[in-house]
């Protein structure tokens, strides 16, 4: 199993870099939250790229949060990330606090996904976005070929084998059912494929974003 997990490291790290770059481009100044941050890789990347963007990370694991805080302390960054203990369905932040919320490989762990997404809606500023990434169980043939070109046959084999074995990897049907949940406060939402990952993208109404009325 260790080899299978290691097979995902290269694609995951590539995604972290992509998300960090996109976050810094989307929000040059402000605050960004990473939910299910683990050991804080993504917030640390963001802080290294842009000192004007305050990065936060939250996780339910005390061990992970402790490790993240130690990494931030050793980083010598001028604006190190803040790491907090907590869960998606009860975020310890004020209303309309963040300019961007992201999450990578955490959604499938949330017991109540709608509650977590509605908490994200609460802490997002009007007109701002949330990017929720997770593993994709039904990887397309095109994505498989691209994975081999980008990371080599061995890494691609391990990554795909891991996705086949992990029960928590999401299907398109599961992702669509989350987006279609009528209890969600987000009205603007869409599903995208990113290689071997799925992206659920949400935008909060306001600041020029038209609120689509619910059907009666």
Protein backbone atom coordinates (compact mmCIF):
# COMPACT_ATOMS: atom_id res chain seq x y z
CA UNK A 1 0.00 0.00 0.00
CA UNK A 2 2.88 2.39 0.74
CA UNK A 3 4.06 2.07 -2.87
CA UNK A 4 0.56 2.80 -4.15
CA UNK A 5 0.28 5.90 -2.00
CA UNK A 6 3.71 7.07 -3.12
CA UNK A 7 2.51 6.68 -6.68
CA UNK A 8 0.13 9.59 -6.12
CA UNK A 9 2.78 11.89 -4.67
CA UNK A 10 4.00 13.32 -7.98
CA UNK A 11 0.50 14.08 -9.39
CA UNK A 12 -0.62 15.43 -6.01
CA UNK A 13 2.39 17.71 -5.63
CA UNK A 14 1.87 18.93 -9.18
CA UNK A 15 -1.73 19.76 -8.31
CA UNK A 16 -0.64 21.58 -5.14
CA UNK A 17 1.67 23.77 -7.24
CA UNK A 18 -1.10 24.39 -9.77
CA UNK A 19 -3.58 25.37 -7.05
CA UNK A 20 -1.03 27.60 -5.31
CA UNK A 21 -0.28 29.40 -8.57
CA UNK A 22 -3.98 29.79 -9.36
CA UNK A 23 -4.75 31.06 -5.84
CA UNK A 24 -2.02 33.71 -6.01
CA UNK A 25 -3.26 34.81 -9.43
CA UNK A 26 -6.92 34.87 -8.36
CA UNK A 27 -6.34 36.65 -5.03
CA UNK A 28 -3.12 38.71 -5.11
CA UNK A 29 -4.02 40.29 -1.76
CA UNK A 30 -6.33 38.82 0.87
CA UNK A 31 -6.86 35.55 2.69
CA UNK A 32 -7.26 31.94 1.59
CA UNK A 33 -8.34 28.89 3.58
CA UNK A 34 -7.30 25.28 2.93
CA UNK A 35 -9.73 22.78 4.50
CA UNK A 36 -8.32 19.37 5.37
CA UNK A 37 -4.85 20.79 5.07
CA UNK A 38 -3.03 17.75 6.46
CA UNK A 39 0.58 18.78 7.03
CA UNK A 40 0.00 22.17 5.48
CA UNK A 41 1.76 21.70 2.14
CA UNK A 42 -0.60 23.94 0.17
CA UNK A 43 -0.77 26.92 2.59
CA UNK A 44 3.02 26.86 2.88
CA UNK A 45 3.35 26.92 -0.91
CA UNK A 46 0.94 29.86 -1.13
CA UNK A 47 2.78 31.77 1.59
CA UNK A 48 6.10 31.20 -0.17
CA UNK A 49 4.70 32.53 -3.44
CA UNK A 50 2.93 35.61 -2.11
CA UNK A 51 3.55 37.26 1.27
CA UNK A 52 0.55 39.57 0.72
CA UNK A 53 -1.83 36.60 0.68
CA UNK A 54 -2.53 35.29 4.18
CA UNK A 55 -2.92 31.51 4.09
CA UNK A 56 -4.88 29.51 6.66
CA UNK A 57 -5.12 25.75 7.03
CA UNK A 58 -7.55 23.71 9.10
CA UNK A 59 -7.64 20.00 9.90
CA UNK A 60 -9.37 17.65 12.36
CA UNK A 61 -6.07 15.92 13.20
CA UNK A 62 -4.15 17.42 16.13
CA UNK A 63 -1.03 15.63 14.95
CA UNK A 64 -1.30 17.14 11.47
CA UNK A 65 -1.97 20.65 12.81
CA UNK A 66 0.99 20.38 15.19
CA UNK A 67 3.26 19.27 12.33
CA UNK A 68 1.98 22.11 10.13
CA UNK A 69 2.65 24.69 12.84
CA UNK A 70 6.18 23.40 13.29
CA UNK A 71 6.80 23.63 9.55
CA UNK A 72 5.47 27.19 9.50
CA UNK A 73 7.69 28.11 12.43
CA UNK A 74 10.78 26.77 10.69
CA UNK A 75 9.94 28.34 7.34
CA UNK A 76 11.18 31.87 8.17
CA UNK A 77 8.40 33.24 5.99
CA UNK A 78 7.51 36.90 6.53
CA UNK A 79 3.80 36.00 6.61
CA UNK A 80 3.61 32.33 7.66
CA UNK A 81 0.32 30.42 7.40
CA UNK A 82 -1.97 30.04 10.39
CA UNK A 83 -3.03 26.47 11.16
CA UNK A 84 -6.14 25.69 13.20
CA UNK A 85 -7.86 22.60 14.57
CA UNK A 86 -11.42 22.09 13.34
CA UNK A 87 -13.74 20.48 10.83
CA UNK A 88 -15.47 21.60 7.66
CA UNK A 89 -18.98 21.63 9.14
CA UNK A 90 -18.01 24.03 11.96
CA UNK A 91 -15.34 26.47 10.82
CA UNK A 92 -13.93 28.74 13.57
CA UNK A 93 -13.93 31.88 11.43
CA UNK A 94 -16.11 34.96 11.07
CA UNK A 95 -18.72 35.40 8.36
CA UNK A 96 -17.39 36.63 5.00
CA UNK A 97 -13.77 36.35 6.14
CA UNK A 98 -12.04 34.65 3.19
CA UNK A 99 -11.33 35.69 -0.39
CA UNK A 100 -10.88 32.06 -1.47
CA UNK A 101 -11.48 28.63 0.06
CA UNK A 102 -9.82 25.49 -1.28
CA UNK A 103 -9.76 21.84 -0.29
CA UNK A 104 -7.75 18.97 -1.73
CA UNK A 105 -8.55 15.29 -1.15
CA UNK A 106 -10.69 16.02 1.90
CA UNK A 107 -14.30 16.17 0.68
CA UNK A 108 -14.85 12.40 0.74
CA UNK A 109 -14.04 12.42 4.48
CA UNK A 110 -16.74 14.97 5.38
CA UNK A 111 -19.64 13.20 7.15
CA UNK A 112 -22.08 15.92 6.03
CA UNK A 113 -20.87 17.40 2.76
CA UNK A 114 -23.72 19.89 2.41
CA UNK A 115 -23.05 21.23 5.92
CA UNK A 116 -19.37 21.67 5.07
CA UNK A 117 -20.12 23.46 1.81
CA UNK A 118 -22.64 25.73 3.49
CA UNK A 119 -20.02 26.63 6.11
CA UNK A 120 -17.69 27.54 3.25
CA UNK A 121 -20.46 29.71 1.84
CA UNK A 122 -20.74 31.46 5.21
CA UNK A 123 -17.03 32.30 5.55
CA UNK A 124 -16.57 33.39 1.92
CA UNK A 125 -16.81 37.04 0.98
CA UNK A 126 -19.55 37.89 -1.56
CA UNK A 127 -18.53 37.12 -5.13
CA UNK A 128 -15.66 34.85 -4.06
CA UNK A 129 -15.00 31.22 -4.99
CA UNK A 130 -14.39 27.81 -3.45
CA UNK A 131 -12.34 25.12 -5.23
CA UNK A 132 -12.89 21.58 -3.92
CA UNK A 133 -10.63 18.89 -5.39
CA UNK A 134 -10.80 15.14 -4.86
CA UNK A 135 -9.63 11.89 -6.39
CA UNK A 136 -11.50 10.68 -9.47
CA UNK A 137 -12.24 6.96 -9.65
CA UNK A 138 -13.34 6.95 -13.32
CA UNK A 139 -10.26 8.50 -14.94
CA UNK A 140 -10.65 9.15 -18.67
CA UNK A 141 -8.35 7.54 -21.23
CA UNK A 142 -7.03 10.96 -22.18
CA UNK A 143 -6.15 11.69 -18.55
CA UNK A 144 -4.40 8.31 -18.25
CA UNK A 145 -2.22 9.04 -21.26
CA UNK A 146 -1.40 12.52 -19.99
CA UNK A 147 -0.46 11.07 -16.60
CA UNK A 148 2.05 8.74 -18.29
CA UNK A 149 3.52 11.58 -20.34
CA UNK A 150 3.85 13.86 -17.32
CA UNK A 151 5.10 11.45 -14.66
CA UNK A 152 6.28 8.27 -16.41
CA UNK A 153 4.83 4.78 -16.69
CA UNK A 154 5.70 3.61 -13.17
CA UNK A 155 4.26 6.62 -11.34
CA UNK A 156 1.16 6.50 -13.55
CA UNK A 157 0.65 2.79 -12.85
CA UNK A 158 0.88 3.27 -9.08
CA UNK A 159 -1.41 6.31 -9.15
CA UNK A 160 -4.09 4.54 -11.17
CA UNK A 161 -3.80 1.38 -9.07
CA UNK A 162 -4.29 3.44 -5.94
CA UNK A 163 -7.43 5.05 -7.35
CA UNK A 164 -8.87 1.61 -8.19
CA UNK A 165 -8.31 0.41 -4.62
CA UNK A 166 -9.41 3.48 -2.68
CA UNK A 167 -13.12 3.27 -1.90
CA UNK A 168 -13.26 7.00 -1.13
CA UNK A 169 -12.32 8.05 -4.68
CA UNK A 170 -15.24 9.94 -6.18
CA UNK A 171 -17.26 9.15 -9.27
CA UNK A 172 -18.86 11.72 -11.56
CA UNK A 173 -22.25 10.56 -10.33
CA UNK A 174 -21.28 11.17 -6.70
CA UNK A 175 -19.87 14.62 -7.51
CA UNK A 176 -23.01 15.61 -9.43
CA UNK A 177 -25.24 14.47 -6.60
CA UNK A 178 -23.32 16.78 -4.25
CA UNK A 179 -23.74 19.72 -6.61
CA UNK A 180 -27.46 19.03 -7.01
CA UNK A 181 -28.20 18.90 -3.28
CA UNK A 182 -31.10 21.35 -2.83
CA UNK A 183 -29.88 22.34 0.65
CA UNK A 184 -26.74 24.00 -0.74
CA UNK A 185 -26.62 27.77 -0.39
CA UNK A 186 -24.39 28.13 -3.43
CA UNK A 187 -26.30 28.82 -6.63
CA UNK A 188 -23.36 29.08 -9.02
CA UNK A 189 -21.53 25.75 -9.15
CA UNK A 190 -19.93 23.46 -11.68
CA UNK A 191 -17.93 20.26 -12.06
CA UNK A 192 -14.62 20.02 -13.92
CA UNK A 193 -12.11 17.22 -14.52
CA UNK A 194 -8.44 17.94 -13.88
CA UNK A 195 -6.43 14.94 -14.98
CA UNK A 196 -7.01 12.23 -12.39
CA UNK A 197 -8.81 14.67 -10.09
CA UNK A 198 -12.28 16.18 -9.95
CA UNK A 199 -12.88 19.85 -9.20
CA UNK A 200 -16.15 21.09 -7.71
CA UNK A 201 -16.15 24.86 -8.15
CA UNK A 202 -18.51 27.19 -6.31
CA UNK A 203 -19.05 30.95 -6.41
CA UNK A 204 -20.90 32.96 -3.78
CA UNK A 205 -23.39 35.51 -5.04
CA UNK A 206 -22.68 39.18 -4.55
CA UNK A 207 -20.17 41.79 -5.73
CA UNK A 208 -21.59 41.74 -9.21
CA UNK A 209 -22.52 38.04 -9.19
CA UNK A 210 -26.18 37.52 -10.04
CA UNK A 211 -28.13 35.43 -7.54
CA UNK A 212 -30.18 32.80 -9.36
CA UNK A 213 -33.53 32.35 -7.60
CA UNK A 214 -34.50 28.89 -6.42
CA UNK A 215 -37.39 27.19 -8.16
CA UNK A 216 -40.53 27.07 -6.00
